[in-house]
């Protein structure tokens, strides 16, 4: 495979090979889909049992510099504070940083 001289020069100078007006973040949508499917399954199961206790959620947390935080991005969204209740998933992903 051949590389043109402008591309080689950009690479050697440490410049990016493309320019964009926005910074994009990776979004692992499969983890959210898995969470939703699990939740729907538990809801259907609970409705079928009617009256029995629904199992509680387990959340994995980690401590960093004396602060506790959820260790999963799905938990960050699913267990978000009431202040952010109206923020949809798309906006949450746009604004969140890890």
N, C-alpha and C. Protein backbone atom coordinates (compact mmCIF):
# COMPACT_ATOMS: atom_id res chain seq x y z
N UNK A 1 0.84 -1.18 0.00
CA UNK A 1 0.00 0.00 0.00
C UNK A 1 0.89 1.23 0.00
N UNK A 2 0.59 2.14 -0.88
CA UNK A 2 1.39 3.36 -0.99
C UNK A 2 0.72 4.51 -0.26
N UNK A 3 1.55 5.39 0.28
CA UNK A 3 1.06 6.58 0.97
C UNK A 3 1.59 7.79 0.22
N UNK A 4 0.73 8.75 -0.01
CA UNK A 4 1.16 9.96 -0.71
C UNK A 4 2.06 10.81 0.17
N UNK A 5 2.86 11.65 -0.46
CA UNK A 5 3.79 12.48 0.31
C UNK A 5 3.09 13.46 1.25
N UNK A 6 1.94 14.06 0.89
CA UNK A 6 1.28 14.93 1.86
C UNK A 6 0.84 14.17 3.12
N UNK A 7 0.34 12.94 2.95
CA UNK A 7 -0.09 12.14 4.10
C UNK A 7 1.12 11.75 4.94
N UNK A 8 2.21 11.38 4.32
CA UNK A 8 3.43 11.02 5.05
C UNK A 8 3.96 12.21 5.84
N UNK A 9 3.94 13.39 5.23
CA UNK A 9 4.40 14.60 5.92
C UNK A 9 3.51 14.91 7.12
N UNK A 10 2.20 14.77 6.95
CA UNK A 10 1.28 15.03 8.06
C UNK A 10 1.56 14.06 9.21
N UNK A 11 1.82 12.80 8.87
CA UNK A 11 2.09 11.79 9.88
C UNK A 11 3.40 12.09 10.61
N UNK A 12 4.45 12.42 9.88
CA UNK A 12 5.75 12.69 10.48
C UNK A 12 5.74 13.95 11.35
N UNK A 13 4.92 14.92 10.99
CA UNK A 13 4.81 16.16 11.78
C UNK A 13 3.86 16.01 12.97
N UNK A 14 3.18 14.88 13.06
CA UNK A 14 2.28 14.64 14.17
C UNK A 14 0.92 15.29 14.02
N UNK A 15 0.58 15.67 12.82
CA UNK A 15 -0.73 16.29 12.57
C UNK A 15 -1.77 15.21 12.28
N UNK A 16 -3.03 15.50 12.57
CA UNK A 16 -4.08 14.51 12.29
C UNK A 16 -4.29 14.33 10.79
N UNK A 17 -4.84 13.18 10.42
CA UNK A 17 -5.08 12.92 9.01
C UNK A 17 -6.42 13.48 8.53
N UNK A 18 -7.22 13.99 9.45
CA UNK A 18 -8.47 14.64 9.07
C UNK A 18 -8.81 15.70 10.12
N UNK A 19 -9.56 16.66 9.72
CA UNK A 19 -9.99 17.72 10.62
C UNK A 19 -11.49 17.67 10.76
N UNK A 20 -11.98 17.92 11.97
CA UNK A 20 -13.42 17.89 12.20
C UNK A 20 -13.78 19.02 13.15
N UNK A 21 -15.02 19.46 13.05
CA UNK A 21 -15.46 20.59 13.85
C UNK A 21 -15.94 20.19 15.24
N UNK A 22 -16.10 18.88 15.50
CA UNK A 22 -16.61 18.42 16.79
C UNK A 22 -15.69 17.34 17.35
N UNK A 23 -15.77 17.17 18.65
CA UNK A 23 -15.06 16.07 19.30
C UNK A 23 -16.10 14.98 19.57
N UNK A 24 -15.86 13.80 19.09
CA UNK A 24 -16.80 12.71 19.23
C UNK A 24 -16.33 11.75 20.32
N UNK A 25 -17.27 11.15 21.01
CA UNK A 25 -16.94 10.16 22.03
C UNK A 25 -17.45 8.80 21.58
N UNK A 26 -16.76 7.77 22.03
CA UNK A 26 -17.21 6.41 21.74
C UNK A 26 -18.42 6.10 22.60
N UNK A 27 -19.36 5.42 22.03
CA UNK A 27 -20.59 5.07 22.73
C UNK A 27 -20.84 3.58 22.58
N UNK A 28 -20.71 2.87 23.68
CA UNK A 28 -20.94 1.42 23.67
C UNK A 28 -22.42 1.15 23.88
N UNK A 29 -23.19 1.23 22.82
CA UNK A 29 -24.65 1.13 22.92
C UNK A 29 -25.10 -0.26 23.34
N UNK A 30 -24.29 -1.26 23.08
CA UNK A 30 -24.70 -2.64 23.43
C UNK A 30 -24.88 -2.82 24.93
N UNK A 31 -24.07 -2.13 25.73
CA UNK A 31 -24.21 -2.25 27.18
C UNK A 31 -25.54 -1.67 27.64
N UNK A 32 -25.98 -0.58 27.00
CA UNK A 32 -27.28 0.01 27.34
C UNK A 32 -28.42 -0.89 26.89
N UNK A 33 -28.30 -1.49 25.72
CA UNK A 33 -29.34 -2.39 25.22
C UNK A 33 -29.46 -3.61 26.14
N UNK A 34 -28.33 -4.15 26.57
CA UNK A 34 -28.34 -5.29 27.49
C UNK A 34 -29.02 -4.92 28.79
N UNK A 35 -28.73 -3.73 29.31
CA UNK A 35 -29.35 -3.26 30.55
C UNK A 35 -30.86 -3.15 30.39
N UNK A 36 -31.31 -2.57 29.29
CA UNK A 36 -32.75 -2.38 29.07
C UNK A 36 -33.45 -3.72 28.92
N UNK A 37 -32.85 -4.64 28.18
CA UNK A 37 -33.45 -5.96 28.02
C UNK A 37 -33.58 -6.67 29.36
N UNK A 38 -32.54 -6.57 30.19
CA UNK A 38 -32.57 -7.18 31.52
C UNK A 38 -33.68 -6.56 32.37
N UNK A 39 -33.79 -5.24 32.31
CA UNK A 39 -34.82 -4.54 33.09
C UNK A 39 -36.21 -4.96 32.64
N UNK A 40 -36.45 -5.01 31.33
CA UNK A 40 -37.76 -5.42 30.81
C UNK A 40 -38.09 -6.84 31.24
N UNK A 41 -37.10 -7.72 31.18
CA UNK A 41 -37.31 -9.10 31.59
C UNK A 41 -37.70 -9.17 33.06
N UNK A 42 -37.00 -8.41 33.91
CA UNK A 42 -37.33 -8.40 35.34
C UNK A 42 -38.72 -7.83 35.59
N UNK A 43 -39.11 -6.81 34.83
CA UNK A 43 -40.44 -6.21 34.99
C UNK A 43 -41.53 -7.23 34.61
N UNK A 44 -41.35 -7.91 33.49
CA UNK A 44 -42.32 -8.92 33.08
C UNK A 44 -42.41 -10.05 34.09
N UNK A 45 -41.25 -10.44 34.59
CA UNK A 45 -41.21 -11.51 35.59
C UNK A 45 -41.92 -11.07 36.88
N UNK A 46 -41.70 -9.82 37.29
CA UNK A 46 -42.33 -9.30 38.51
C UNK A 46 -43.84 -9.20 38.34
N UNK A 47 -44.29 -8.78 37.16
CA UNK A 47 -45.72 -8.68 36.90
C UNK A 47 -46.38 -10.06 36.94
N UNK A 48 -45.65 -11.06 36.47
CA UNK A 48 -46.19 -12.42 36.47
C UNK A 48 -46.32 -12.95 37.90
N UNK A 49 -45.41 -12.56 38.77
CA UNK A 49 -45.44 -13.04 40.15
C UNK A 49 -46.36 -12.20 41.04
N UNK A 50 -46.65 -10.99 40.69
CA UNK A 50 -47.52 -10.05 41.43
C UNK A 50 -47.54 -10.29 42.94
N UNK A 51 -46.94 -9.38 43.64
CA UNK A 51 -46.96 -9.46 45.10
C UNK A 51 -45.66 -9.91 45.70
N UNK A 52 -44.85 -10.63 44.95
CA UNK A 52 -43.57 -11.05 45.46
C UNK A 52 -42.57 -9.90 45.36
N UNK A 53 -41.54 -9.95 46.18
CA UNK A 53 -40.52 -8.91 46.15
C UNK A 53 -39.66 -9.03 44.90
N UNK A 54 -39.35 -7.88 44.30
CA UNK A 54 -38.46 -7.84 43.15
C UNK A 54 -37.03 -7.72 43.69
N UNK A 55 -36.08 -8.48 43.13
CA UNK A 55 -34.71 -8.41 43.64
C UNK A 55 -34.13 -6.99 43.48
N UNK A 56 -33.34 -6.60 44.46
CA UNK A 56 -32.73 -5.27 44.41
C UNK A 56 -31.56 -5.25 43.44
N UNK A 57 -31.25 -4.05 42.94
CA UNK A 57 -30.12 -3.89 42.03
C UNK A 57 -28.82 -3.87 42.81
N UNK A 58 -27.80 -4.47 42.24
CA UNK A 58 -26.45 -4.39 42.78
C UNK A 58 -25.65 -3.43 41.91
N UNK A 59 -24.95 -2.51 42.53
CA UNK A 59 -24.17 -1.52 41.81
C UNK A 59 -22.72 -1.65 42.24
N UNK A 60 -21.83 -1.80 41.27
CA UNK A 60 -20.40 -1.86 41.58
C UNK A 60 -19.88 -0.43 41.68
N UNK A 61 -19.18 -0.14 42.78
CA UNK A 61 -18.61 1.19 42.96
C UNK A 61 -17.11 1.09 43.15
N UNK A 62 -16.44 2.20 42.92
CA UNK A 62 -15.01 2.25 43.14
C UNK A 62 -14.67 3.56 43.83
N UNK A 63 -13.58 3.56 44.54
CA UNK A 63 -13.14 4.75 45.26
C UNK A 63 -11.92 5.32 44.56
N UNK A 64 -11.98 6.61 44.27
CA UNK A 64 -10.84 7.27 43.63
C UNK A 64 -10.64 8.61 44.31
N UNK A 65 -9.49 8.79 44.92
CA UNK A 65 -9.16 10.03 45.61
C UNK A 65 -10.20 10.40 46.66
N UNK A 66 -10.70 9.40 47.39
CA UNK A 66 -11.65 9.65 48.46
C UNK A 66 -13.09 9.84 48.02
N UNK A 67 -13.39 9.71 46.74
CA UNK A 67 -14.75 9.85 46.24
C UNK A 67 -15.22 8.50 45.71
N UNK A 68 -16.48 8.19 45.96
CA UNK A 68 -17.07 6.95 45.46
C UNK A 68 -17.86 7.24 44.19
N UNK A 69 -17.73 6.35 43.21
CA UNK A 69 -18.45 6.52 41.95
C UNK A 69 -18.81 5.16 41.38
N UNK A 70 -19.86 5.16 40.57
CA UNK A 70 -20.25 3.93 39.89
C UNK A 70 -19.17 3.57 38.88
N UNK A 71 -18.89 2.29 38.75
CA UNK A 71 -17.81 1.88 37.86
C UNK A 71 -18.31 1.55 36.46
N UNK A 72 -19.57 1.78 36.20
CA UNK A 72 -20.15 1.48 34.89
C UNK A 72 -20.84 2.72 34.34
N UNK A 73 -20.65 2.99 33.05
CA UNK A 73 -21.31 4.14 32.44
C UNK A 73 -22.83 3.94 32.39
N UNK A 74 -23.26 2.70 32.31
CA UNK A 74 -24.70 2.42 32.33
C UNK A 74 -25.27 2.77 33.70
N UNK A 75 -24.54 2.40 34.76
CA UNK A 75 -24.99 2.76 36.11
C UNK A 75 -24.98 4.26 36.32
N UNK A 76 -24.02 4.95 35.73
CA UNK A 76 -24.00 6.42 35.83
C UNK A 76 -25.31 7.01 35.32
N UNK A 77 -25.81 6.47 34.23
CA UNK A 77 -27.06 6.99 33.67
C UNK A 77 -28.28 6.45 34.41
N UNK A 78 -28.30 5.16 34.67
CA UNK A 78 -29.47 4.53 35.29
C UNK A 78 -29.68 5.01 36.73
N UNK A 79 -28.62 5.28 37.45
CA UNK A 79 -28.72 5.70 38.85
C UNK A 79 -28.46 7.20 39.02
N UNK A 80 -28.73 7.97 37.99
CA UNK A 80 -28.45 9.41 38.05
C UNK A 80 -29.36 10.10 39.07
N UNK A 81 -28.91 11.25 39.60
CA UNK A 81 -29.71 11.98 40.59
C UNK A 81 -31.02 12.50 39.99
N UNK A 82 -31.97 12.79 40.86
CA UNK A 82 -33.29 13.28 40.43
C UNK A 82 -33.19 14.58 39.65
N UNK A 83 -32.15 15.37 39.90
CA UNK A 83 -31.96 16.64 39.18
C UNK A 83 -31.83 16.40 37.67
N UNK A 84 -31.22 15.27 37.31
CA UNK A 84 -30.99 14.95 35.89
C UNK A 84 -32.02 13.98 35.33
N UNK A 85 -33.14 13.84 36.00
CA UNK A 85 -34.17 12.89 35.58
C UNK A 85 -34.69 13.15 34.17
N UNK A 86 -34.77 14.41 33.77
CA UNK A 86 -35.31 14.76 32.45
C UNK A 86 -34.26 14.71 31.32
N UNK A 87 -33.01 14.45 31.66
CA UNK A 87 -31.96 14.37 30.66
C UNK A 87 -32.04 13.02 29.96
N UNK A 88 -32.21 13.04 28.64
CA UNK A 88 -32.30 11.77 27.92
C UNK A 88 -30.91 11.19 27.68
N UNK A 89 -30.87 9.96 27.21
CA UNK A 89 -29.60 9.25 27.04
C UNK A 89 -28.67 9.97 26.07
N UNK A 90 -29.21 10.49 24.98
CA UNK A 90 -28.40 11.19 23.98
C UNK A 90 -27.70 12.39 24.59
N UNK A 91 -28.44 13.21 25.33
CA UNK A 91 -27.84 14.39 25.97
C UNK A 91 -26.85 13.98 27.06
N UNK A 92 -27.16 12.92 27.78
CA UNK A 92 -26.27 12.45 28.84
C UNK A 92 -24.91 12.07 28.27
N UNK A 93 -24.92 11.35 27.16
CA UNK A 93 -23.66 10.92 26.54
C UNK A 93 -22.89 12.10 25.98
N UNK A 94 -23.61 13.09 25.43
CA UNK A 94 -22.95 14.28 24.91
C UNK A 94 -22.19 15.03 26.00
N UNK A 95 -22.76 15.09 27.18
CA UNK A 95 -22.22 15.94 28.25
C UNK A 95 -21.34 15.22 29.26
N UNK A 96 -21.42 13.90 29.33
CA UNK A 96 -20.67 13.20 30.37
C UNK A 96 -19.22 13.00 29.97
N UNK A 97 -18.38 13.00 30.98
CA UNK A 97 -16.95 12.75 30.80
C UNK A 97 -16.50 11.78 31.86
N UNK A 98 -15.60 10.90 31.50
CA UNK A 98 -15.04 9.95 32.46
C UNK A 98 -13.61 10.31 32.74
